[in-house]
Amino acid sequence: MRNYEYFKINNETNIDYILATSSEDMYFLYDEIYDKLSKEKGSRFEIIMDLVIRNGFTFNRFILLEFNENKVKSSILNPREVPEDIKKKTKSYFQNNRYLVLESTLSKSIKDFILFS
């Protein structure tokens, strides 16, 4: 199973995003993410990461990764500052891949919200 999915988003921010699909610590995947995306984006780029499968709907659901060469800086994003199309894409992805949510460590109420709301 892959630990994340990469999505290109056509919105006003022009920042793509990565959706974590497991509860693995994404810190250990930064090099892999950089190697994959730097071929397309160059050595300096930003990307939003959605950690809902790991963190639920907490304040640290979204982080912004700023890559500069092989260095990465991460910061927490306020969910209100994240474009709605990213949240909709996440919801759609998990509704089409329900097993990821059902097998996650999220509480039943959060699983139900993701799958049935």
C-alpha atoms as a PDB file:
ATOM      1  CA  MET A   1       0.000   0.000   0.000  1.00  0.00           C
ATOM      2  CA  ARG A   2       1.240   3.470  -0.827  1.00  0.00           C
ATOM      3  CA  ASN A   3       1.525   5.940   2.014  1.00  0.00           C
ATOM      4  CA  TYR A   4       0.253   8.914   0.019  1.00  0.00           C
ATOM      5  CA  GLU A   5      -1.429  10.114  -3.164  1.00  0.00           C
ATOM      6  CA  TYR A   6      -0.355  13.180  -5.116  1.00  0.00           C
ATOM      7  CA  PHE A   7      -2.989  15.468  -6.635  1.00  0.00           C
ATOM      8  CA  LYS A   8      -2.644  18.369  -9.032  1.00  0.00           C
ATOM      9  CA  ILE A   9      -5.149  21.064  -8.144  1.00  0.00           C
ATOM     10  CA  ASN A  10      -6.221  23.763 -10.568  1.00  0.00           C
ATOM     11  CA  ASN A  11      -7.062  26.630  -8.261  1.00  0.00           C
ATOM     12  CA  GLU A  12      -5.996  30.199  -7.619  1.00  0.00           C
ATOM     13  CA  THR A  13      -3.128  29.163  -5.329  1.00  0.00           C
ATOM     14  CA  ASN A  14      -1.585  26.768  -7.848  1.00  0.00           C
ATOM     15  CA  ILE A  15      -0.325  24.648  -4.932  1.00  0.00           C
ATOM     16  CA  ASP A  16      -0.829  20.926  -5.372  1.00  0.00           C
ATOM     17  CA  TYR A  17      -1.325  18.585  -2.475  1.00  0.00           C
ATOM     18  CA  ILE A  18      -0.458  15.214  -1.050  1.00  0.00           C
ATOM     19  CA  LEU A  19      -3.002  13.129   0.788  1.00  0.00           C
ATOM     20  CA  ALA A  20      -1.639  10.764   3.416  1.00  0.00           C
ATOM     21  CA  THR A  21      -3.299   7.359   2.981  1.00  0.00           C
ATOM     22  CA  SER A  22      -1.787   5.664   6.020  1.00  0.00           C
ATOM     23  CA  SER A  23      -0.916   6.565   9.569  1.00  0.00           C
ATOM     24  CA  GLU A  24       2.805   6.263   8.848  1.00  0.00           C
ATOM     25  CA  ASP A  25       4.954   9.234   9.837  1.00  0.00           C
ATOM     26  CA  MET A  26       5.259  11.298   6.655  1.00  0.00           C
ATOM     27  CA  TYR A  27       8.521  12.839   7.877  1.00  0.00           C
ATOM     28  CA  PHE A  28      10.342   9.771   6.628  1.00  0.00           C
ATOM     29  CA  LEU A  29       8.873  10.218   3.148  1.00  0.00           C
ATOM     30  CA  TYR A  30      10.040  13.796   2.557  1.00  0.00           C
ATOM     31  CA  ASP A  31      13.038  12.654   0.486  1.00  0.00           C
ATOM     32  CA  GLU A  32      10.842  10.441  -1.675  1.00  0.00           C
ATOM     33  CA  ILE A  33       8.339  13.261  -2.156  1.00  0.00           C
ATOM     34  CA  TYR A  34      11.112  15.691  -3.071  1.00  0.00           C
ATOM     35  CA  ASP A  35      12.700  13.262  -5.538  1.00  0.00           C
ATOM     36  CA  LYS A  36       9.378  12.655  -7.262  1.00  0.00           C
ATOM     37  CA  LEU A  37       8.110  16.236  -7.451  1.00  0.00           C
ATOM     38  CA  SER A  38      11.374  18.091  -8.062  1.00  0.00           C
ATOM     39  CA  LYS A  39      11.559  16.522 -11.529  1.00  0.00           C
ATOM     40  CA  GLU A  40       8.419  18.446 -12.460  1.00  0.00           C
ATOM     41  CA  LYS A  41       8.557  21.470 -10.159  1.00  0.00           C
ATOM     42  CA  GLY A  42      12.279  22.166  -9.859  1.00  0.00           C
ATOM     43  CA  SER A  43      14.306  22.362  -6.672  1.00  0.00           C
ATOM     44  CA  ARG A  44      12.081  24.951  -4.921  1.00  0.00           C
ATOM     45  CA  PHE A  45       8.366  24.345  -4.447  1.00  0.00           C
ATOM     46  CA  GLU A  46       5.547  24.225  -1.911  1.00  0.00           C
ATOM     47  CA  ILE A  47       2.935  21.561  -1.419  1.00  0.00           C
ATOM     48  CA  ILE A  48       0.068  21.084   1.024  1.00  0.00           C
ATOM     49  CA  MET A  49      -0.181  17.799   2.877  1.00  0.00           C
ATOM     50  CA  ASP A  50      -3.513  16.542   4.226  1.00  0.00           C
ATOM     51  CA  LEU A  51      -3.065  14.264   7.256  1.00  0.00           C
ATOM     52  CA  VAL A  52      -6.752  13.657   8.025  1.00  0.00           C
ATOM     53  CA  ILE A  53      -6.321   9.863   7.958  1.00  0.00           C
ATOM     54  CA  ARG A  54      -3.783  10.218  10.739  1.00  0.00           C
ATOM     55  CA  ASN A  55      -4.863  13.309  12.690  1.00  0.00           C
ATOM     56  CA  GLY A  56      -8.593  13.533  12.034  1.00  0.00           C
ATOM     57  CA  PHE A  57     -10.081  17.022  11.946  1.00  0.00           C
ATOM     58  CA  THR A  58      -7.620  18.573  14.397  1.00  0.00           C
ATOM     59  CA  PHE A  59      -5.732  21.849  14.044  1.00  0.00           C
ATOM     60  CA  ASN A  60      -2.771  19.983  12.528  1.00  0.00           C
ATOM     61  CA  ARG A  61      -4.671  18.259   9.740  1.00  0.00           C
ATOM     62  CA  PHE A  62      -2.933  20.337   7.057  1.00  0.00           C
ATOM     63  CA  ILE A  63       0.723  21.208   6.774  1.00  0.00           C
ATOM     64  CA  LEU A  64       2.589  23.231   4.204  1.00  0.00           C
ATOM     65  CA  LEU A  65       5.865  21.740   3.031  1.00  0.00           C
ATOM     66  CA  GLU A  66       8.352  24.197   1.555  1.00  0.00           C
ATOM     67  CA  PHE A  67      11.147  22.427  -0.295  1.00  0.00           C
ATOM     68  CA  ASN A  68      14.385  24.238  -1.115  1.00  0.00           C
ATOM     69  CA  GLU A  69      16.934  21.872  -2.620  1.00  0.00           C
ATOM     70  CA  ASN A  70      16.996  18.906  -0.215  1.00  0.00           C
ATOM     71  CA  LYS A  71      15.856  20.970   2.772  1.00  0.00           C
ATOM     72  CA  VAL A  72      12.245  21.066   3.868  1.00  0.00           C
ATOM     73  CA  LYS A  73      10.418  23.438   6.173  1.00  0.00           C
ATOM     74  CA  SER A  74       6.985  22.476   7.452  1.00  0.00           C
ATOM     75  CA  SER A  75       4.296  24.596   9.041  1.00  0.00           C
ATOM     76  CA  ILE A  76       0.753  23.944  10.181  1.00  0.00           C
ATOM     77  CA  LEU A  77      -1.997  25.486   8.054  1.00  0.00           C
ATOM     78  CA  ASN A  78      -5.279  26.689   9.455  1.00  0.00           C
ATOM     79  CA  PRO A  79      -7.937  24.467   7.822  1.00  0.00           C
ATOM     80  CA  ARG A  80      -9.925  27.617   6.955  1.00  0.00           C
ATOM     81  CA  GLU A  81      -7.012  28.745   4.759  1.00  0.00           C
ATOM     82  CA  VAL A  82      -6.998  25.536   2.704  1.00  0.00           C
ATOM     83  CA  PRO A  83      -8.967  25.689  -0.568  1.00  0.00           C
ATOM     84  CA  GLU A  84     -12.285  23.838  -0.484  1.00  0.00           C
ATOM     85  CA  ASP A  85     -11.412  21.867  -3.614  1.00  0.00           C
ATOM     86  CA  ILE A  86      -8.653  20.113  -1.663  1.00  0.00           C
ATOM     87  CA  LYS A  87     -11.097  19.090   1.069  1.00  0.00           C
ATOM     88  CA  LYS A  88     -13.608  17.890  -1.527  1.00  0.00           C
ATOM     89  CA  LYS A  89     -10.939  15.886  -3.362  1.00  0.00           C
ATOM     90  CA  THR A  90      -9.914  14.228  -0.088  1.00  0.00           C
ATOM     91  CA  LYS A  91     -13.495  13.316   0.752  1.00  0.00           C
ATOM     92  CA  SER A  92     -14.088  11.899  -2.720  1.00  0.00           C
ATOM     93  CA  TYR A  93     -10.865   9.892  -2.613  1.00  0.00           C
ATOM     94  CA  PHE A  94     -11.740   8.286   0.712  1.00  0.00           C
ATOM     95  CA  GLN A  95     -15.317   7.578  -0.306  1.00  0.00           C
ATOM     96  CA  ASN A  96     -13.914   5.701  -3.307  1.00  0.00           C
ATOM     97  CA  ASN A  97     -11.300   3.950  -1.139  1.00  0.00           C
ATOM     98  CA  ARG A  98     -13.389   3.256   1.927  1.00  0.00           C
ATOM     99  CA  TYR A  99     -11.154   0.475   3.207  1.00  0.00           C
ATOM    100  CA  LEU A 100      -8.434   3.048   4.017  1.00  0.00           C
ATOM    101  CA  VAL A 101     -10.778   4.845   6.391  1.00  0.00           C
ATOM    102  CA  LEU A 102     -12.288   1.673   7.837  1.00  0.00           C
ATOM    103  CA  GLU A 103      -8.843   0.220   8.601  1.00  0.00           C
ATOM    104  CA  SER A 104      -7.492   3.487  10.039  1.00  0.00           C
ATOM    105  CA  THR A 105      -7.102   4.313  13.718  1.00  0.00           C
ATOM    106  CA  LEU A 106      -9.630   7.156  13.498  1.00  0.00           C
ATOM    107  CA  SER A 107     -12.578   7.121  15.877  1.00  0.00           C
ATOM    108  CA  LYS A 108     -15.875   5.687  14.630  1.00  0.00           C
ATOM    109  CA  SER A 109     -17.508   9.118  14.577  1.00  0.00           C
ATOM    110  CA  ILE A 110     -14.780  10.581  12.366  1.00  0.00           C
ATOM    111  CA  LYS A 111     -14.875   7.529  10.072  1.00  0.00           C
ATOM    112  CA  ASP A 112     -18.642   7.936   9.749  1.00  0.00           C
ATOM    113  CA  PHE A 113     -18.310  11.634   9.016  1.00  0.00           C
ATOM    114  CA  ILE A 114     -15.762  11.033   6.248  1.00  0.00           C
ATOM    115  CA  LEU A 115     -17.714   8.197   4.663  1.00  0.00           C
ATOM    116  CA  PHE A 116     -21.332   9.232   5.099  1.00  0.00           C
ATOM    117  CA  SER A 117     -21.610  13.017   5.285  1.00  0.00           C
END
